[in-house]
Amino acid sequence: MANLRYGWSEKIECIQPVGVKGANGESLCLAYKTGKYFVGAGVYLRDDGYVLGDPAAADRFYRWPDDATQVKGWQAQGLLPDPLPGYSVPASEYLAGYSLWIIVGVFVAVFGSIIGGRKLATKRRQALDAQVPISLGPPKLLTDGDRLIHSAATPLLQPSEVIQHQAFAVPEPAGAVGMMVVLTNLRVLVMVVDRPNLGAVLSSYSYLRSELVDAREGSYEVTLVLADGSKRAYPVVRGEEEFSNQRAFVRDVPRMFAKKAVSGDAAMRALG
């Protein structure tokens, strides 16, 4: 934080010595002045043009005369070069003067690349998933996490109701709660649990499969759309070290209820 700067910063660059003297008789140089405005990093660079600089004090200068006649008089006396030499502000000064925008641009480019890469990876995965037949379960019970979800949902099942898919979702990565999401042949069951203690169910709710009119998935977030227009999003946890059915849930559930899938009673018969 010590290197962050705020406000205007001016800089004088001598071009060549001149015969014009300062107010105290000090030797001067023909120079140009730039100003940079900082808000942590450079926001803007201003080229202020010619000045008369004091080589002995980098921050001391005399403004360029507004009266062109005076400049011509100094040139006639040989105190200033005629014509005045040109100058160019170095690229490094522009980089410093607009560094904030460069940083922002790099951040946007990197962030866009990451997002684009994730979207491309999602499309490739979805293309591969589309080649796999939709599974109607039952889910695998290979880990303690699998069995925990299954045992939590079992007491809530109705007669003739069976579990087809299940997954563990986290609404907020840093949040304290998670969701056990279970798809049966009749309903979607959701059990909100305390993440540090997955066995502690805080609340639960359900809705009928017949209420679902659409489903979509992106970057492992499954969104189910209900007939009333409301949406239920379930950010499924990636990886299957703790829960073995995450990929199957992400792969199959959206395809079961997507609008382009078979609709109406035919779909219910095929999936139930």
C-alpha atoms as a PDB file:
ATOM      1  CA  MET A   1       0.000   0.000   0.000  1.00  0.00           C
ATOM      2  CA  ALA A   2       2.959   2.344   0.555  1.00  0.00           C
ATOM      3  CA  ASN A   3       3.543   2.584  -3.210  1.00  0.00           C
ATOM      4  CA  LEU A   4       0.024   3.807  -4.000  1.00  0.00           C
ATOM      5  CA  ARG A   5      -0.200   7.445  -5.032  1.00  0.00           C
ATOM      6  CA  TYR A   6      -3.071   9.917  -5.122  1.00  0.00           C
ATOM      7  CA  GLY A   7      -3.509  13.309  -6.772  1.00  0.00           C
ATOM      8  CA  TRP A   8      -1.398  15.187  -9.294  1.00  0.00           C
ATOM      9  CA  SER A   9       2.327  14.613  -9.810  1.00  0.00           C
ATOM     10  CA  GLU A  10       4.292  16.985 -12.081  1.00  0.00           C
ATOM     11  CA  LYS A  11       7.585  16.293 -13.805  1.00  0.00           C
ATOM     12  CA  ILE A  12      10.062  18.584 -15.596  1.00  0.00           C
ATOM     13  CA  GLU A  13      12.410  17.257 -18.294  1.00  0.00           C
ATOM     14  CA  CYS A  14      15.207  19.514 -19.581  1.00  0.00           C
ATOM     15  CA  ILE A  15      15.772  19.502 -23.328  1.00  0.00           C
ATOM     16  CA  GLN A  16      18.826  21.774 -23.534  1.00  0.00           C
ATOM     17  CA  PRO A  17      20.449  24.694 -21.642  1.00  0.00           C
ATOM     18  CA  VAL A  18      19.381  28.198 -22.650  1.00  0.00           C
ATOM     19  CA  GLY A  19      20.691  31.695 -22.050  1.00  0.00           C
ATOM     20  CA  VAL A  20      17.563  32.937 -20.307  1.00  0.00           C
ATOM     21  CA  LYS A  21      18.180  33.480 -16.575  1.00  0.00           C
ATOM     22  CA  GLY A  22      15.810  32.980 -13.706  1.00  0.00           C
ATOM     23  CA  ALA A  23      14.544  35.646 -11.316  1.00  0.00           C
ATOM     24  CA  ASN A  24      17.574  35.078  -9.076  1.00  0.00           C
ATOM     25  CA  GLY A  25      20.027  34.881 -11.933  1.00  0.00           C
ATOM     26  CA  GLU A  26      20.080  31.075 -11.976  1.00  0.00           C
ATOM     27  CA  SER A  27      20.803  29.213 -15.184  1.00  0.00           C
ATOM     28  CA  LEU A  28      17.770  27.644 -16.840  1.00  0.00           C
ATOM     29  CA  CYS A  29      17.030  25.024 -19.432  1.00  0.00           C
ATOM     30  CA  LEU A  30      14.401  24.678 -22.095  1.00  0.00           C
ATOM     31  CA  ALA A  31      12.152  21.922 -20.762  1.00  0.00           C
ATOM     32  CA  TYR A  32       8.733  20.354 -21.057  1.00  0.00           C
ATOM     33  CA  LYS A  33       6.358  19.553 -18.236  1.00  0.00           C
ATOM     34  CA  THR A  34       3.971  16.688 -17.792  1.00  0.00           C
ATOM     35  CA  GLY A  35       1.372  16.032 -15.111  1.00  0.00           C
ATOM     36  CA  LYS A  36       0.023  12.665 -14.068  1.00  0.00           C
ATOM     37  CA  TYR A  37      -3.085  12.109 -11.971  1.00  0.00           C
ATOM     38  CA  PHE A  38      -3.058   9.096  -9.666  1.00  0.00           C
ATOM     39  CA  VAL A  39      -5.806   7.219  -7.862  1.00  0.00           C
ATOM     40  CA  GLY A  40      -3.627   4.442  -6.517  1.00  0.00           C
ATOM     41  CA  ALA A  41      -2.285   4.092 -10.080  1.00  0.00           C
ATOM     42  CA  GLY A  42      -2.170   6.432 -13.064  1.00  0.00           C
ATOM     43  CA  VAL A  43      -5.500   7.691 -14.416  1.00  0.00           C
ATOM     44  CA  TYR A  44      -4.469  10.485 -16.778  1.00  0.00           C
ATOM     45  CA  LEU A  45      -1.372  12.091 -18.302  1.00  0.00           C
ATOM     46  CA  ARG A  46      -1.306  15.764 -19.285  1.00  0.00           C
ATOM     47  CA  ASP A  47       1.329  17.286 -21.589  1.00  0.00           C
ATOM     48  CA  ASP A  48       1.756  20.901 -20.411  1.00  0.00           C
ATOM     49  CA  GLY A  49       4.224  21.863 -23.157  1.00  0.00           C
ATOM     50  CA  TYR A  50       7.346  24.016 -22.836  1.00  0.00           C
ATOM     51  CA  VAL A  51       8.564  25.554 -19.586  1.00  0.00           C
ATOM     52  CA  LEU A  52      11.852  27.030 -18.410  1.00  0.00           C
ATOM     53  CA  GLY A  53      13.294  24.588 -15.915  1.00  0.00           C
ATOM     54  CA  ASP A  54      15.906  24.906 -13.185  1.00  0.00           C
ATOM     55  CA  PRO A  55      18.392  22.031 -13.633  1.00  0.00           C
ATOM     56  CA  ALA A  56      19.441  22.423  -9.987  1.00  0.00           C
ATOM     57  CA  ALA A  57      15.898  21.914  -8.657  1.00  0.00           C
ATOM     58  CA  ALA A  58      13.787  19.410 -10.547  1.00  0.00           C
ATOM     59  CA  ASP A  59      10.529  20.737  -9.093  1.00  0.00           C
ATOM     60  CA  ARG A  60      11.233  24.392  -9.867  1.00  0.00           C
ATOM     61  CA  PHE A  61      10.267  25.954 -13.189  1.00  0.00           C
ATOM     62  CA  TYR A  62       9.063  29.144 -14.879  1.00  0.00           C
ATOM     63  CA  ARG A  63       5.933  29.052 -16.985  1.00  0.00           C
ATOM     64  CA  TRP A  64       6.291  29.567 -20.687  1.00  0.00           C
ATOM     65  CA  PRO A  65       5.514  33.174 -21.669  1.00  0.00           C
ATOM     66  CA  ASP A  66       2.029  33.738 -23.061  1.00  0.00           C
ATOM     67  CA  ASP A  67       3.434  36.606 -25.115  1.00  0.00           C
ATOM     68  CA  ALA A  68       4.901  35.209 -28.337  1.00  0.00           C
ATOM     69  CA  THR A  69       6.747  38.497 -28.829  1.00  0.00           C
ATOM     70  CA  GLN A  70       8.880  37.847 -25.750  1.00  0.00           C
ATOM     71  CA  VAL A  71       9.804  34.376 -27.014  1.00  0.00           C
ATOM     72  CA  LYS A  72      10.737  35.838 -30.400  1.00  0.00           C
ATOM     73  CA  GLY A  73      12.849  38.480 -28.645  1.00  0.00           C
ATOM     74  CA  TRP A  74      14.778  35.838 -26.686  1.00  0.00           C
ATOM     75  CA  GLN A  75      15.348  33.922 -29.889  1.00  0.00           C
ATOM     76  CA  ALA A  76      16.573  37.061 -31.650  1.00  0.00           C
ATOM     77  CA  GLN A  77      19.057  37.567 -28.793  1.00  0.00           C
ATOM     78  CA  GLY A  78      20.224  33.954 -29.065  1.00  0.00           C
ATOM     79  CA  LEU A  79      18.915  33.138 -25.602  1.00  0.00           C
ATOM     80  CA  LEU A  80      16.510  30.522 -26.995  1.00  0.00           C
ATOM     81  CA  PRO A  81      16.997  28.199 -29.954  1.00  0.00           C
ATOM     82  CA  ASP A  82      15.153  29.119 -33.128  1.00  0.00           C
ATOM     83  CA  PRO A  83      13.253  27.081 -34.085  1.00  0.00           C
ATOM     84  CA  LEU A  84      12.413  25.473 -30.772  1.00  0.00           C
ATOM     85  CA  PRO A  85      13.404  21.786 -30.744  1.00  0.00           C
ATOM     86  CA  GLY A  86      10.650  19.252 -30.709  1.00  0.00           C
ATOM     87  CA  TYR A  87      10.171  16.716 -27.955  1.00  0.00           C
ATOM     88  CA  SER A  88       8.133  13.596 -27.319  1.00  0.00           C
ATOM     89  CA  VAL A  89       6.872  12.253 -24.035  1.00  0.00           C
ATOM     90  CA  PRO A  90       8.427   8.793 -23.532  1.00  0.00           C
ATOM     91  CA  ALA A  91       6.206   5.740 -23.736  1.00  0.00           C
ATOM     92  CA  SER A  92       7.153   4.895 -20.156  1.00  0.00           C
ATOM     93  CA  GLU A  93       5.480   8.097 -18.991  1.00  0.00           C
ATOM     94  CA  TYR A  94       2.262   7.172 -20.777  1.00  0.00           C
ATOM     95  CA  LEU A  95       2.409   3.702 -19.235  1.00  0.00           C
ATOM     96  CA  ALA A  96       2.748   5.255 -15.780  1.00  0.00           C
ATOM     97  CA  GLY A  97       0.116   7.911 -16.502  1.00  0.00           C
ATOM     98  CA  TYR A  98      -2.493   5.379 -17.629  1.00  0.00           C
ATOM     99  CA  SER A  99      -1.375   2.436 -15.507  1.00  0.00           C
ATOM    100  CA  LEU A 100      -4.716   2.114 -13.745  1.00  0.00           C
ATOM    101  CA  TRP A 101      -6.501   1.540 -17.047  1.00  0.00           C
ATOM    102  CA  ILE A 102      -3.815  -0.915 -18.116  1.00  0.00           C
ATOM    103  CA  ILE A 103      -4.317  -2.840 -14.868  1.00  0.00           C
ATOM    104  CA  VAL A 104      -8.097  -2.768 -15.347  1.00  0.00           C
ATOM    105  CA  GLY A 105      -7.712  -3.900 -18.961  1.00  0.00           C
ATOM    106  CA  VAL A 106      -5.452  -6.789 -17.990  1.00  0.00           C
ATOM    107  CA  PHE A 107      -7.857  -7.796 -15.223  1.00  0.00           C
ATOM    108  CA  VAL A 108     -10.828  -7.704 -17.596  1.00  0.00           C
ATOM    109  CA  ALA A 109      -8.910  -9.700 -20.211  1.00  0.00           C
ATOM    110  CA  VAL A 110      -7.799 -12.328 -17.693  1.00  0.00           C
ATOM    111  CA  PHE A 111     -11.245 -12.532 -16.101  1.00  0.00           C
ATOM    112  CA  GLY A 112     -12.873 -12.768 -19.529  1.00  0.00           C
ATOM    113  CA  SER A 113     -10.425 -15.488 -20.523  1.00  0.00           C
ATOM    114  CA  ILE A 114     -11.227 -17.458 -17.365  1.00  0.00           C
ATOM    115  CA  ILE A 115     -14.982 -17.088 -17.890  1.00  0.00           C
ATOM    116  CA  GLY A 116     -14.640 -17.939 -21.574  1.00  0.00           C
ATOM    117  CA  GLY A 117     -12.525 -20.975 -20.712  1.00  0.00           C
ATOM    118  CA  ARG A 118     -15.108 -22.166 -18.215  1.00  0.00           C
ATOM    119  CA  LYS A 119     -17.930 -21.714 -20.709  1.00  0.00           C
ATOM    120  CA  LEU A 120     -15.972 -23.635 -23.346  1.00  0.00           C
ATOM    121  CA  ALA A 121     -15.195 -26.415 -20.865  1.00  0.00           C
ATOM    122  CA  THR A 122     -18.881 -26.547 -19.893  1.00  0.00           C
ATOM    123  CA  LYS A 123     -19.960 -26.816 -23.544  1.00  0.00           C
ATOM    124  CA  ARG A 124     -17.452 -29.586 -24.197  1.00  0.00           C
ATOM    125  CA  ARG A 125     -18.596 -31.490 -21.110  1.00  0.00           C
ATOM    126  CA  GLN A 126     -22.253 -31.031 -22.044  1.00  0.00           C
ATOM    127  CA  ALA A 127     -21.524 -32.313 -25.564  1.00  0.00           C
ATOM    128  CA  LEU A 128     -19.962 -35.450 -24.090  1.00  0.00           C
ATOM    129  CA  ASP A 129     -22.805 -35.822 -21.583  1.00  0.00           C
ATOM    130  CA  ALA A 130     -25.373 -35.613 -24.388  1.00  0.00           C
ATOM    131  CA  GLN A 131     -23.966 -38.840 -25.805  1.00  0.00           C
ATOM    132  CA  VAL A 132     -24.675 -40.715 -22.560  1.00  0.00           C
ATOM    133  CA  PRO A 133     -28.201 -42.150 -22.175  1.00  0.00           C
ATOM    134  CA  ILE A 134     -30.244 -40.535 -19.402  1.00  0.00           C
ATOM    135  CA  SER A 135     -30.094 -42.623 -16.247  1.00  0.00           C
ATOM    136  CA  LEU A 136     -33.112 -43.116 -14.023  1.00  0.00           C
ATOM    137  CA  GLY A 137     -30.993 -44.324 -11.109  1.00  0.00           C
ATOM    138  CA  PRO A 138     -30.782 -45.466  -8.476  1.00  0.00           C
ATOM    139  CA  PRO A 139     -27.817 -43.362  -7.322  1.00  0.00           C
ATOM    140  CA  LYS A 140     -24.587 -44.990  -6.176  1.00  0.00           C
ATOM    141  CA  LEU A 141     -24.039 -45.340  -2.446  1.00  0.00           C
ATOM    142  CA  LEU A 142     -20.243 -45.553  -2.349  1.00  0.00           C
ATOM    143  CA  THR A 143     -19.297 -42.939   0.225  1.00  0.00           C
ATOM    144  CA  ASP A 144     -20.455 -41.799   3.633  1.00  0.00           C
ATOM    145  CA  GLY A 145     -21.803 -38.673   1.956  1.00  0.00           C
ATOM    146  CA  ASP A 146     -23.871 -40.751  -0.487  1.00  0.00           C
ATOM    147  CA  ARG A 147     -25.333 -42.836   2.302  1.00  0.00           C
ATOM    148  CA  LEU A 148     -26.017 -39.753   4.425  1.00  0.00           C
ATOM    149  CA  ILE A 149     -28.129 -38.128   1.697  1.00  0.00           C
ATOM    150  CA  HIS A 150     -29.931 -41.391   1.040  1.00  0.00           C
ATOM    151  CA  SER A 151     -30.705 -41.991   4.718  1.00  0.00           C
ATOM    152  CA  ALA A 152     -31.916 -38.403   5.210  1.00  0.00           C
ATOM    153  CA  ALA A 153     -34.303 -38.654   2.241  1.00  0.00           C
ATOM    154  CA  THR A 154     -35.643 -42.151   2.886  1.00  0.00           C
ATOM    155  CA  PRO A 155     -37.978 -41.230   5.802  1.00  0.00           C
ATOM    156  CA  LEU A 156     -39.547 -38.535   3.605  1.00  0.00           C
ATOM    157  CA  LEU A 157     -40.467 -40.893   0.765  1.00  0.00           C
ATOM    158  CA  GLN A 158     -44.080 -41.759   0.026  1.00  0.00           C
ATOM    159  CA  PRO A 159     -45.266 -45.282  -0.836  1.00  0.00           C
ATOM    160  CA  SER A 160     -44.033 -46.267  -4.316  1.00  0.00           C
ATOM    161  CA  GLU A 161     -41.620 -43.291  -4.344  1.00  0.00           C
ATOM    162  CA  VAL A 162     -38.003 -44.139  -5.257  1.00  0.00           C
ATOM    163  CA  ILE A 163     -34.835 -42.065  -5.479  1.00  0.00           C
ATOM    164  CA  GLN A 164     -33.418 -41.609  -8.976  1.00  0.00           C
ATOM    165  CA  HIS A 165     -30.728 -38.931  -8.536  1.00  0.00           C
ATOM    166  CA  GLN A 166     -29.130 -37.117  -5.641  1.00  0.00           C
ATOM    167  CA  ALA A 167     -26.452 -34.450  -5.163  1.00  0.00           C
ATOM    168  CA  PHE A 168     -24.997 -32.060  -2.633  1.00  0.00           C
ATOM    169  CA  ALA A 169     -25.216 -28.349  -3.488  1.00  0.00           C
ATOM    170  CA  VAL A 170     -23.825 -25.241  -1.812  1.00  0.00           C
ATOM    171  CA  PRO A 171     -25.702 -21.928  -2.309  1.00  0.00           C
ATOM    172  CA  GLU A 172     -22.679 -19.859  -1.225  1.00  0.00           C
ATOM    173  CA  PRO A 173     -19.085 -21.199  -1.252  1.00  0.00           C
ATOM    174  CA  ALA A 174     -18.326 -19.570   2.102  1.00  0.00           C
ATOM    175  CA  GLY A 175     -21.778 -20.159   3.566  1.00  0.00           C
ATOM    176  CA  ALA A 176     -22.628 -22.327   6.558  1.00  0.00           C
ATOM    177  CA  VAL A 177     -25.418 -24.316   4.911  1.00  0.00           C
ATOM    178  CA  GLY A 178     -25.644 -26.856   2.131  1.00  0.00           C
ATOM    179  CA  MET A 179     -28.488 -28.588   0.305  1.00  0.00           C
ATOM    180  CA  MET A 180     -29.115 -32.290  -0.199  1.00  0.00           C
ATOM    181  CA  VAL A 181     -31.073 -32.349  -3.456  1.00  0.00           C
ATOM    182  CA  VAL A 182     -32.900 -35.579  -4.266  1.00  0.00           C
ATOM    183  CA  LEU A 183     -34.911 -36.346  -7.405  1.00  0.00           C
ATOM    184  CA  THR A 184     -37.471 -39.127  -7.073  1.00  0.00           C
ATOM    185  CA  ASN A 185     -39.934 -40.512  -9.558  1.00  0.00           C
ATOM    186  CA  LEU A 186     -42.513 -38.145  -8.026  1.00  0.00           C
ATOM    187  CA  ARG A 187     -40.824 -35.102  -6.545  1.00  0.00           C
ATOM    188  CA  VAL A 188     -37.760 -33.010  -5.936  1.00  0.00           C
ATOM    189  CA  LEU A 189     -36.787 -33.146  -2.259  1.00  0.00           C
ATOM    190  CA  VAL A 190     -34.445 -30.518  -0.816  1.00  0.00           C
ATOM    191  CA  MET A 191     -32.978 -30.793   2.667  1.00  0.00           C
ATOM    192  CA  VAL A 192     -31.096 -27.770   3.974  1.00  0.00           C
ATOM    193  CA  VAL A 193     -28.281 -28.918   6.239  1.00  0.00           C
ATOM    194  CA  ASP A 194     -25.599 -27.505   8.491  1.00  0.00           C
ATOM    195  CA  ARG A 195     -22.388 -27.906   6.477  1.00  0.00           C
ATOM    196  CA  PRO A 196     -20.058 -28.601   9.420  1.00  0.00           C
ATOM    197  CA  ASN A 197     -22.521 -31.274  10.581  1.00  0.00           C
ATOM    198  CA  LEU A 198     -24.151 -32.753   7.481  1.00  0.00           C
ATOM    199  CA  GLY A 199     -26.352 -35.010   9.563  1.00  0.00           C
ATOM    200  CA  ALA A 200     -28.222 -32.004  10.997  1.00  0.00           C
ATOM    201  CA  VAL A 201     -31.166 -31.181   8.711  1.00  0.00           C
ATOM    202  CA  LEU A 202     -32.241 -27.578   9.362  1.00  0.00           C
ATOM    203  CA  SER A 203     -35.280 -27.562   7.086  1.00  0.00           C
ATOM    204  CA  SER A 204     -36.713 -29.299   4.040  1.00  0.00           C
ATOM    205  CA  TYR A 205     -39.153 -28.696   1.211  1.00  0.00           C
ATOM    206  CA  SER A 206     -40.316 -30.431  -1.944  1.00  0.00           C
ATOM    207  CA  TYR A 207     -42.209 -29.853  -5.171  1.00  0.00           C
ATOM    208  CA  LEU A 208     -43.765 -32.190  -7.690  1.00  0.00           C
ATOM    209  CA  ARG A 209     -42.016 -33.180 -10.887  1.00  0.00           C
ATOM    210  CA  SER A 210     -45.193 -32.225 -12.731  1.00  0.00           C
ATOM    211  CA  GLU A 211     -44.524 -28.610 -11.706  1.00  0.00           C
ATOM    212  CA  LEU A 212     -41.207 -28.528 -13.603  1.00  0.00           C
ATOM    213  CA  VAL A 213     -41.388 -26.969 -17.062  1.00  0.00           C
ATOM    214  CA  ASP A 214     -37.722 -26.426 -17.887  1.00  0.00           C
ATOM    215  CA  ALA A 215     -34.204 -27.101 -16.648  1.00  0.00           C
ATOM    216  CA  ARG A 216     -30.767 -25.827 -17.562  1.00  0.00           C
ATOM    217  CA  GLU A 217     -27.199 -26.247 -16.368  1.00  0.00           C
ATOM    218  CA  GLY A 218     -24.067 -24.123 -16.567  1.00  0.00           C
ATOM    219  CA  SER A 219     -20.789 -24.582 -14.719  1.00  0.00           C
ATOM    220  CA  TYR A 220     -22.374 -27.229 -12.482  1.00  0.00           C
ATOM    221  CA  GLU A 221     -25.285 -25.024 -11.425  1.00  0.00           C
ATOM    222  CA  VAL A 222     -28.582 -26.754 -12.153  1.00  0.00           C
ATOM    223  CA  THR A 223     -31.566 -24.412 -12.464  1.00  0.00           C
ATOM    224  CA  LEU A 224     -35.089 -25.862 -12.390  1.00  0.00           C
ATOM    225  CA  VAL A 225     -37.962 -23.704 -13.672  1.00  0.00           C
ATOM    226  CA  LEU A 226     -41.427 -24.204 -12.196  1.00  0.00           C
ATOM    227  CA  ALA A 227     -44.763 -23.692 -13.897  1.00  0.00           C
ATOM    228  CA  ASP A 228     -45.350 -20.475 -11.946  1.00  0.00           C
ATOM    229  CA  GLY A 229     -42.170 -19.004 -13.453  1.00  0.00           C
ATOM    230  CA  SER A 230     -40.045 -19.286 -10.313  1.00  0.00           C
ATOM    231  CA  LYS A 231     -36.548 -20.721 -10.530  1.00  0.00           C
ATOM    232  CA  ARG A 232     -34.655 -22.957  -8.122  1.00  0.00           C
ATOM    233  CA  ALA A 233     -30.866 -22.928  -8.554  1.00  0.00           C
ATOM    234  CA  TYR A 234     -28.642 -25.648  -7.121  1.00  0.00           C
ATOM    235  CA  PRO A 235     -24.861 -25.048  -7.393  1.00  0.00           C
ATOM    236  CA  VAL A 236     -23.703 -28.659  -7.312  1.00  0.00           C
ATOM    237  CA  VAL A 237     -20.337 -29.252  -5.654  1.00  0.00           C
ATOM    238  CA  ARG A 238     -17.715 -30.417  -8.143  1.00  0.00           C
ATOM    239  CA  GLY A 239     -15.740 -33.582  -7.606  1.00  0.00           C
ATOM    240  CA  GLU A 240     -16.913 -36.947  -6.363  1.00  0.00           C
ATOM    241  CA  GLU A 241     -14.542 -37.727  -3.512  1.00  0.00           C
ATOM    242  CA  GLU A 242     -17.281 -37.153  -0.926  1.00  0.00           C
ATOM    243  CA  PHE A 243     -20.423 -37.522  -3.057  1.00  0.00           C
ATOM    244  CA  SER A 244     -20.386 -40.021  -5.938  1.00  0.00           C
ATOM    245  CA  ASN A 245     -23.439 -38.848  -7.873  1.00  0.00           C
ATOM    246  CA  GLN A 246     -22.616 -35.203  -8.582  1.00  0.00           C
ATOM    247  CA  ARG A 247     -21.738 -35.652 -12.257  1.00  0.00           C
ATOM    248  CA  ALA A 248     -24.734 -37.911 -12.911  1.00  0.00           C
ATOM    249  CA  PHE A 249     -27.086 -35.330 -11.362  1.00  0.00           C
ATOM    250  CA  VAL A 250     -25.599 -32.489 -13.440  1.00  0.00           C
ATOM    251  CA  ARG A 251     -25.603 -34.623 -16.585  1.00  0.00           C
ATOM    252  CA  ASP A 252     -29.059 -36.174 -16.430  1.00  0.00           C
ATOM    253  CA  VAL A 253     -31.474 -34.013 -14.435  1.00  0.00           C
ATOM    254  CA  PRO A 254     -31.326 -30.958 -16.786  1.00  0.00           C
ATOM    255  CA  ARG A 255     -31.917 -33.207 -19.795  1.00  0.00           C
ATOM    256  CA  MET A 256     -34.944 -34.810 -18.120  1.00  0.00           C
ATOM    257  CA  PHE A 257     -36.777 -31.512 -17.833  1.00  0.00           C
ATOM    258  CA  ALA A 258     -35.402 -29.354 -20.638  1.00  0.00           C
ATOM    259  CA  LYS A 259     -38.094 -27.777 -22.826  1.00  0.00           C
ATOM    260  CA  LYS A 260     -36.777 -29.558 -25.890  1.00  0.00           C
ATOM    261  CA  ALA A 261     -37.212 -32.916 -24.166  1.00  0.00           C
ATOM    262  CA  VAL A 262     -40.328 -35.038 -24.641  1.00  0.00           C
ATOM    263  CA  SER A 263     -43.200 -33.159 -22.983  1.00  0.00           C
ATOM    264  CA  GLY A 264     -46.443 -33.884 -21.207  1.00  0.00           C
ATOM    265  CA  ASP A 265     -47.706 -37.288 -20.179  1.00  0.00           C
ATOM    266  CA  ALA A 266     -45.314 -39.076 -22.558  1.00  0.00           C
ATOM    267  CA  ALA A 267     -42.340 -37.588 -20.692  1.00  0.00           C
ATOM    268  CA  MET A 268     -43.767 -38.537 -17.317  1.00  0.00           C
ATOM    269  CA  ARG A 269     -44.280 -42.096 -18.447  1.00  0.00           C
ATOM    270  CA  ALA A 270     -40.773 -42.294 -19.913  1.00  0.00           C
ATOM    271  CA  LEU A 271     -39.104 -40.858 -16.830  1.00  0.00           C
ATOM    272  CA  GLY A 272     -41.283 -42.197 -14.047  1.00  0.00           C
END
